[in-house]
């Protein structure tokens, strides 16, 4: 038992060393987007009010003024979802932002709730929102 515990500690320590301390861009030779360049992009935020405040969990795309497309794993059975449209910076309040509640999430009936290459075609999610997004 001691050997297993020691091995687990060593593996965790090595994993920590493998993670870089500074943030590095994930796209090589990419460019920063300008505000409003991708107006269809939204931030899908999950929370469990009043215990857990809403925070960014996934990105999404506006389909029309009532629906947003996102990934299947973005919906949890517990908690609530909000969609933030018109944002450029995730952590700042912006005059262009719109915050709307999600009325219903439509997940593919055969999506098992985890990521596996066999289920990737099922890994989509449609969010119906309670109020209209002003899309400009």
N, C-alpha and C. Protein backbone atom coordinates (compact mmCIF):
# COMPACT_ATOMS: atom_id res chain seq x y z
N UNK A 1 0.82 -1.19 0.00
CA UNK A 1 0.00 0.00 0.00
C UNK A 1 0.87 1.25 0.00
N UNK A 2 1.96 1.21 0.74
CA UNK A 2 2.87 2.35 0.80
C UNK A 2 3.49 2.61 -0.56
N UNK A 3 3.83 1.55 -1.27
CA UNK A 3 4.44 1.70 -2.59
C UNK A 3 3.45 2.35 -3.56
N UNK A 4 2.19 1.96 -3.51
CA UNK A 4 1.17 2.56 -4.38
C UNK A 4 1.00 4.04 -4.08
N UNK A 5 0.96 4.38 -2.81
CA UNK A 5 0.81 5.78 -2.42
C UNK A 5 2.00 6.60 -2.89
N UNK A 6 3.20 6.06 -2.70
CA UNK A 6 4.42 6.75 -3.11
C UNK A 6 4.44 6.92 -4.63
N UNK A 7 4.06 5.89 -5.35
CA UNK A 7 4.01 5.96 -6.81
C UNK A 7 3.00 7.02 -7.27
N UNK A 8 1.85 7.07 -6.62
CA UNK A 8 0.84 8.07 -6.97
C UNK A 8 1.36 9.48 -6.74
N UNK A 9 2.06 9.71 -5.64
CA UNK A 9 2.63 11.03 -5.34
C UNK A 9 3.66 11.41 -6.39
N UNK A 10 4.52 10.48 -6.77
CA UNK A 10 5.54 10.75 -7.78
C UNK A 10 4.89 11.10 -9.12
N UNK A 11 3.85 10.36 -9.51
CA UNK A 11 3.17 10.63 -10.78
C UNK A 11 2.50 12.00 -10.77
N UNK A 12 1.86 12.36 -9.67
CA UNK A 12 1.23 13.68 -9.57
C UNK A 12 2.30 14.77 -9.64
N UNK A 13 3.41 14.59 -8.96
CA UNK A 13 4.49 15.56 -8.98
C UNK A 13 5.03 15.73 -10.39
N UNK A 14 5.24 14.64 -11.11
CA UNK A 14 5.73 14.73 -12.49
C UNK A 14 4.72 15.42 -13.40
N UNK A 15 3.45 15.16 -13.18
CA UNK A 15 2.42 15.82 -13.99
C UNK A 15 2.42 17.32 -13.74
N UNK A 16 2.62 17.72 -12.50
CA UNK A 16 2.68 19.15 -12.18
C UNK A 16 3.87 19.81 -12.86
N UNK A 17 4.98 19.12 -12.92
CA UNK A 17 6.16 19.69 -13.57
C UNK A 17 5.98 19.80 -15.08
N UNK A 18 5.13 18.98 -15.65
CA UNK A 18 4.92 18.99 -17.10
C UNK A 18 4.06 20.17 -17.54
N UNK A 19 3.31 20.77 -16.63
CA UNK A 19 2.43 21.89 -16.97
C UNK A 19 3.24 23.17 -16.95
N UNK A 20 3.23 23.96 -18.05
CA UNK A 20 3.99 25.21 -18.07
C UNK A 20 3.38 26.23 -17.12
N UNK A 21 4.24 27.08 -16.56
CA UNK A 21 3.77 28.09 -15.62
C UNK A 21 3.10 29.26 -16.33
N UNK A 22 3.60 29.66 -17.48
CA UNK A 22 3.03 30.78 -18.21
C UNK A 22 2.03 30.31 -19.25
N UNK A 23 1.06 31.15 -19.54
CA UNK A 23 0.10 30.81 -20.59
C UNK A 23 0.75 31.02 -21.94
N UNK A 24 0.55 30.08 -22.82
CA UNK A 24 1.08 30.19 -24.17
C UNK A 24 -0.08 30.10 -25.14
N UNK A 25 0.00 30.83 -26.25
CA UNK A 25 -1.08 30.75 -27.22
C UNK A 25 -1.20 29.35 -27.79
N UNK A 26 -2.42 28.93 -28.05
CA UNK A 26 -2.66 27.60 -28.58
C UNK A 26 -2.64 27.58 -30.11
N UNK A 27 -2.73 28.75 -30.72
CA UNK A 27 -2.72 28.83 -32.17
C UNK A 27 -1.43 29.50 -32.60
N UNK A 28 -0.64 28.81 -33.40
CA UNK A 28 0.62 29.35 -33.87
C UNK A 28 0.36 30.35 -34.99
N UNK A 29 1.01 31.50 -34.90
CA UNK A 29 0.89 32.57 -35.90
C UNK A 29 -0.54 33.05 -36.07
N UNK A 30 -1.36 32.93 -35.05
CA UNK A 30 -2.73 33.42 -35.12
C UNK A 30 -2.79 34.91 -34.83
N UNK A 31 -3.95 35.48 -34.97
CA UNK A 31 -4.15 36.90 -34.72
C UNK A 31 -5.28 37.07 -33.72
N UNK A 32 -5.18 38.11 -32.89
CA UNK A 32 -6.26 38.43 -31.97
C UNK A 32 -7.47 38.92 -32.76
N UNK A 33 -8.64 38.52 -32.32
CA UNK A 33 -9.87 39.00 -32.95
C UNK A 33 -10.14 40.42 -32.49
N UNK A 34 -10.75 41.21 -33.34
CA UNK A 34 -11.14 42.56 -32.95
C UNK A 34 -12.56 42.50 -32.39
N UNK A 35 -12.91 43.42 -31.49
CA UNK A 35 -14.26 43.41 -30.94
C UNK A 35 -15.32 43.46 -32.05
N UNK A 36 -16.29 42.56 -31.97
CA UNK A 36 -17.36 42.50 -32.95
C UNK A 36 -17.04 41.73 -34.21
N UNK A 37 -15.83 41.21 -34.34
CA UNK A 37 -15.44 40.49 -35.56
C UNK A 37 -16.21 39.18 -35.73
N UNK A 38 -16.55 38.53 -34.63
CA UNK A 38 -17.29 37.28 -34.67
C UNK A 38 -18.56 37.42 -33.82
N UNK A 39 -19.56 38.13 -34.33
CA UNK A 39 -20.74 38.44 -33.51
C UNK A 39 -21.59 37.22 -33.16
N UNK A 40 -21.40 36.12 -33.85
CA UNK A 40 -22.16 34.90 -33.59
C UNK A 40 -21.57 34.08 -32.45
N UNK A 41 -20.38 34.42 -31.99
CA UNK A 41 -19.71 33.68 -30.91
C UNK A 41 -20.29 34.09 -29.56
N UNK A 42 -20.59 33.11 -28.70
CA UNK A 42 -21.13 33.39 -27.36
C UNK A 42 -20.34 32.63 -26.30
N UNK A 43 -20.50 33.07 -25.08
CA UNK A 43 -19.95 32.38 -23.92
C UNK A 43 -21.10 31.67 -23.21
N UNK A 44 -21.00 30.35 -23.08
CA UNK A 44 -22.00 29.57 -22.34
C UNK A 44 -21.46 29.43 -20.92
N UNK A 45 -22.27 29.87 -19.96
CA UNK A 45 -21.81 29.88 -18.56
C UNK A 45 -22.71 29.01 -17.70
N UNK A 46 -22.05 28.27 -16.80
CA UNK A 46 -22.74 27.37 -15.90
C UNK A 46 -22.64 27.91 -14.48
N UNK A 47 -23.69 27.71 -13.69
CA UNK A 47 -23.67 28.10 -12.30
C UNK A 47 -24.70 27.33 -11.50
N UNK A 48 -24.57 27.41 -10.20
CA UNK A 48 -25.51 26.78 -9.28
C UNK A 48 -25.86 27.82 -8.22
N UNK A 49 -26.68 28.82 -8.62
CA UNK A 49 -26.99 29.90 -7.70
C UNK A 49 -27.78 29.39 -6.50
N UNK A 50 -27.57 29.92 -5.32
CA UNK A 50 -26.61 30.96 -4.96
C UNK A 50 -25.25 30.41 -4.52
N UNK A 51 -25.05 29.10 -4.62
CA UNK A 51 -23.82 28.48 -4.13
C UNK A 51 -22.62 28.73 -5.04
N UNK A 52 -22.81 28.58 -6.33
CA UNK A 52 -21.71 28.71 -7.29
C UNK A 52 -22.09 29.75 -8.33
N UNK A 53 -21.33 30.84 -8.44
CA UNK A 53 -21.66 31.87 -9.43
C UNK A 53 -21.43 31.37 -10.86
N UNK A 54 -22.08 32.01 -11.80
CA UNK A 54 -21.93 31.63 -13.21
C UNK A 54 -20.51 31.92 -13.69
N UNK A 55 -19.93 30.97 -14.42
CA UNK A 55 -18.61 31.17 -15.00
C UNK A 55 -18.55 30.48 -16.36
N UNK A 56 -17.65 30.95 -17.21
CA UNK A 56 -17.53 30.43 -18.58
C UNK A 56 -17.20 28.95 -18.55
N UNK A 57 -17.98 28.17 -19.30
CA UNK A 57 -17.69 26.74 -19.39
C UNK A 57 -17.45 26.30 -20.82
N UNK A 58 -18.09 26.95 -21.79
CA UNK A 58 -17.95 26.56 -23.19
C UNK A 58 -18.23 27.75 -24.09
N UNK A 59 -17.80 27.61 -25.32
CA UNK A 59 -18.18 28.56 -26.35
C UNK A 59 -19.41 28.03 -27.07
N UNK A 60 -20.02 28.89 -27.85
CA UNK A 60 -21.17 28.49 -28.64
C UNK A 60 -21.34 29.42 -29.82
N UNK A 61 -22.25 29.07 -30.71
CA UNK A 61 -22.54 29.88 -31.89
C UNK A 61 -24.03 30.14 -31.98
N UNK A 62 -24.38 31.38 -32.27
CA UNK A 62 -25.78 31.74 -32.43
C UNK A 62 -26.30 31.12 -33.73
N UNK A 63 -27.39 30.37 -33.63
CA UNK A 63 -28.05 29.81 -34.82
C UNK A 63 -29.05 30.84 -35.35
N UNK A 64 -29.87 31.35 -34.45
CA UNK A 64 -30.79 32.45 -34.75
C UNK A 64 -31.09 33.15 -33.43
N UNK A 65 -32.05 34.04 -33.41
CA UNK A 65 -32.29 34.85 -32.21
C UNK A 65 -32.78 34.05 -31.01
N UNK A 66 -33.18 32.79 -31.22
CA UNK A 66 -33.71 31.96 -30.14
C UNK A 66 -32.87 30.76 -29.76
N UNK A 67 -31.88 30.40 -30.59
CA UNK A 67 -31.13 29.16 -30.37
C UNK A 67 -29.63 29.34 -30.52
N UNK A 68 -28.90 28.56 -29.70
CA UNK A 68 -27.44 28.57 -29.70
C UNK A 68 -26.96 27.13 -29.83
N UNK A 69 -25.91 26.91 -30.62
CA UNK A 69 -25.29 25.60 -30.79
C UNK A 69 -24.04 25.54 -29.92
N UNK A 70 -23.88 24.46 -29.17
CA UNK A 70 -22.69 24.26 -28.34
C UNK A 70 -22.39 22.76 -28.29
N UNK A 71 -21.38 22.39 -27.54
CA UNK A 71 -20.98 20.98 -27.43
C UNK A 71 -21.85 20.24 -26.41
N UNK A 72 -22.01 18.95 -26.62
CA UNK A 72 -22.85 18.14 -25.74
C UNK A 72 -22.38 18.11 -24.30
N UNK A 73 -21.07 18.15 -24.09
CA UNK A 73 -20.56 18.06 -22.72
C UNK A 73 -20.75 19.36 -21.95
N UNK A 74 -21.25 20.41 -22.58
CA UNK A 74 -21.44 21.69 -21.90
C UNK A 74 -22.66 21.72 -21.00
N UNK A 75 -23.53 20.75 -21.13
CA UNK A 75 -24.76 20.72 -20.33
C UNK A 75 -24.63 19.70 -19.22
N UNK A 76 -24.83 20.15 -18.01
CA UNK A 76 -24.84 19.26 -16.85
C UNK A 76 -26.26 19.14 -16.35
N UNK A 77 -26.58 18.04 -15.72
CA UNK A 77 -27.94 17.84 -15.20
C UNK A 77 -28.21 18.73 -14.00
N UNK A 78 -27.17 19.12 -13.31
CA UNK A 78 -27.29 19.96 -12.12
C UNK A 78 -26.88 21.38 -12.48
N UNK A 79 -27.58 22.36 -11.96
CA UNK A 79 -27.21 23.75 -12.19
C UNK A 79 -28.00 24.39 -13.31
N UNK A 80 -27.61 25.62 -13.64
CA UNK A 80 -28.29 26.41 -14.66
C UNK A 80 -27.28 26.93 -15.67
N UNK A 81 -27.79 27.29 -16.84
CA UNK A 81 -26.94 27.85 -17.90
C UNK A 81 -27.42 29.24 -18.27
N UNK A 82 -26.46 30.08 -18.65
CA UNK A 82 -26.73 31.39 -19.22
C UNK A 82 -25.88 31.52 -20.48
N UNK A 83 -26.35 32.35 -21.40
CA UNK A 83 -25.59 32.65 -22.61
C UNK A 83 -25.25 34.13 -22.58
N UNK A 84 -23.98 34.44 -22.82
CA UNK A 84 -23.51 35.81 -22.91
C UNK A 84 -23.11 36.08 -24.35
N UNK A 85 -23.82 36.99 -25.01
CA UNK A 85 -23.51 37.36 -26.39
C UNK A 85 -22.94 38.77 -26.40
N UNK A 86 -22.24 39.12 -27.48
CA UNK A 86 -21.71 40.47 -27.63
C UNK A 86 -20.50 40.77 -26.77
N UNK A 87 -19.80 39.74 -26.32
CA UNK A 87 -18.62 39.94 -25.47
C UNK A 87 -17.34 39.73 -26.28
N UNK A 88 -16.32 40.47 -25.88
CA UNK A 88 -14.99 40.26 -26.44
C UNK A 88 -14.05 39.73 -25.37
N UNK A 89 -14.16 40.27 -24.17
CA UNK A 89 -13.33 39.84 -23.04
C UNK A 89 -14.22 39.09 -22.05
N UNK A 90 -13.84 37.88 -21.72
CA UNK A 90 -14.68 37.05 -20.85
C UNK A 90 -14.85 37.62 -19.45
N UNK A 91 -13.83 38.29 -18.94
CA UNK A 91 -13.84 38.70 -17.53
C UNK A 91 -14.24 40.15 -17.31
N UNK A 92 -14.57 40.87 -18.37
CA UNK A 92 -14.93 42.28 -18.22
C UNK A 92 -16.40 42.51 -18.57
N UNK A 93 -17.02 43.48 -17.88
CA UNK A 93 -18.38 43.88 -18.23
C UNK A 93 -18.26 44.83 -19.42
N UNK A 94 -19.03 44.56 -20.47
CA UNK A 94 -18.95 45.37 -21.68
C UNK A 94 -20.31 45.93 -22.05
N UNK A 95 -20.33 47.11 -22.64
CA UNK A 95 -21.59 47.75 -23.01
C UNK A 95 -22.34 46.97 -24.08
N UNK A 96 -21.64 46.15 -24.84
CA UNK A 96 -22.25 45.39 -25.93
C UNK A 96 -22.79 44.03 -25.49
N UNK A 97 -22.53 43.62 -24.27
CA UNK A 97 -22.89 42.27 -23.85
C UNK A 97 -24.38 42.13 -23.59
N UNK A 98 -24.89 40.93 -23.88
CA UNK A 98 -26.27 40.55 -23.59
C UNK A 98 -26.23 39.26 -22.79
N UNK A 99 -26.95 39.23 -21.70
CA UNK A 99 -27.00 38.05 -20.84
C UNK A 99 -28.41 37.48 -20.90
N UNK A 100 -28.53 36.22 -21.32
CA UNK A 100 -29.85 35.59 -21.43
C UNK A 100 -29.84 34.23 -20.75
N UNK A 101 -30.96 33.88 -20.15
CA UNK A 101 -31.11 32.58 -19.51
C UNK A 101 -31.45 31.52 -20.55
N UNK A 102 -31.03 30.30 -20.27
CA UNK A 102 -31.36 29.17 -21.14
C UNK A 102 -32.67 28.57 -20.66
N UNK A 103 -33.64 28.45 -21.56
CA UNK A 103 -34.93 27.87 -21.23
C UNK A 103 -34.87 26.35 -21.24
N UNK A 104 -34.18 25.80 -22.26
CA UNK A 104 -34.12 24.35 -22.40
C UNK A 104 -32.88 23.97 -23.19
N UNK A 105 -32.30 22.84 -22.82
CA UNK A 105 -31.15 22.30 -23.55
C UNK A 105 -31.58 21.01 -24.24
N UNK A 106 -31.27 20.91 -25.52
CA UNK A 106 -31.59 19.72 -26.30
C UNK A 106 -30.29 18.97 -26.59
N UNK A 107 -30.13 17.83 -25.96
CA UNK A 107 -28.95 16.99 -26.15
C UNK A 107 -29.40 15.76 -26.94
N UNK A 108 -28.56 15.27 -27.84
CA UNK A 108 -28.90 14.09 -28.63
C UNK A 108 -29.26 12.94 -27.69
N UNK A 109 -30.35 12.27 -27.97
CA UNK A 109 -30.85 11.21 -27.07
C UNK A 109 -29.88 10.05 -26.90
N UNK A 110 -28.98 9.84 -27.84
CA UNK A 110 -28.02 8.74 -27.73
C UNK A 110 -26.65 9.18 -27.23
N UNK A 111 -26.50 10.47 -26.91
CA UNK A 111 -25.21 10.94 -26.39
C UNK A 111 -25.01 10.38 -24.98
N UNK A 112 -23.92 9.64 -24.73
CA UNK A 112 -23.75 8.97 -23.44
C UNK A 112 -23.28 9.87 -22.32
N UNK A 113 -22.88 11.10 -22.60
CA UNK A 113 -22.44 11.99 -21.54
C UNK A 113 -20.94 12.04 -21.36
N UNK A 114 -20.19 11.41 -22.24
CA UNK A 114 -18.73 11.47 -22.18
C UNK A 114 -18.19 11.51 -23.61
N UNK A 115 -16.92 11.86 -23.73
CA UNK A 115 -16.32 12.00 -25.05
C UNK A 115 -15.68 10.68 -25.47
N UNK A 116 -16.04 10.22 -26.64
CA UNK A 116 -15.45 9.02 -27.23
C UNK A 116 -15.57 9.20 -28.74
N UNK A 117 -14.57 8.80 -29.49
CA UNK A 117 -14.58 9.05 -30.93
C UNK A 117 -15.84 8.51 -31.61
N UNK A 118 -16.40 7.43 -31.10
CA UNK A 118 -17.59 6.83 -31.70
C UNK A 118 -18.81 7.74 -31.57
N UNK A 119 -18.84 8.58 -30.51
CA UNK A 119 -20.00 9.41 -30.23
C UNK A 119 -19.83 10.86 -30.66
N UNK A 120 -18.77 11.20 -31.37
CA UNK A 120 -18.53 12.60 -31.71
C UNK A 120 -19.66 13.20 -32.54
N UNK A 121 -20.28 12.43 -33.41
CA UNK A 121 -21.37 12.97 -34.21
C UNK A 121 -22.60 13.28 -33.36
N UNK A 122 -22.67 12.75 -32.16
CA UNK A 122 -23.80 12.99 -31.26
C UNK A 122 -23.50 14.11 -30.27
N UNK A 123 -22.30 14.62 -30.29
CA UNK A 123 -21.81 15.54 -29.25
C UNK A 123 -22.15 16.99 -29.58
N UNK A 124 -23.41 17.23 -29.90
CA UNK A 124 -23.85 18.60 -30.10
C UNK A 124 -25.02 18.86 -29.16
N UNK A 125 -25.28 20.13 -28.96
CA UNK A 125 -26.28 20.53 -28.01
C UNK A 125 -26.92 21.81 -28.53
N UNK A 126 -28.21 21.89 -28.51
CA UNK A 126 -28.93 23.10 -28.90
C UNK A 126 -29.52 23.71 -27.63
N UNK A 127 -29.23 24.99 -27.41
CA UNK A 127 -29.78 25.70 -26.26
C UNK A 127 -30.89 26.63 -26.75
N UNK A 128 -32.06 26.48 -26.17
CA UNK A 128 -33.16 27.41 -26.44
C UNK A 128 -33.10 28.47 -25.36
N UNK A 129 -33.07 29.72 -25.76
CA UNK A 129 -32.93 30.79 -24.78
C UNK A 129 -34.28 31.44 -24.50
N UNK A 130 -34.40 32.04 -23.30
CA UNK A 130 -35.68 32.58 -22.84
C UNK A 130 -36.05 33.90 -23.51
N UNK A 131 -35.05 34.71 -23.82
CA UNK A 131 -35.31 36.00 -24.47
C UNK A 131 -34.50 36.09 -25.75
N UNK A 132 -34.94 36.92 -26.64
CA UNK A 132 -34.30 37.06 -27.96
C UNK A 132 -32.94 37.75 -27.83
N UNK A 133 -31.97 37.23 -28.59
CA UNK A 133 -30.66 37.89 -28.69
C UNK A 133 -30.74 38.90 -29.82
N UNK A 134 -30.38 40.14 -29.54
CA UNK A 134 -30.30 41.16 -30.58
C UNK A 134 -29.01 40.94 -31.34
N UNK A 135 -29.12 40.39 -32.53
CA UNK A 135 -27.95 39.97 -33.30
C UNK A 135 -27.64 41.01 -34.37
N UNK A 136 -26.55 41.75 -34.17
CA UNK A 136 -26.12 42.76 -35.15
C UNK A 136 -24.69 42.54 -35.50
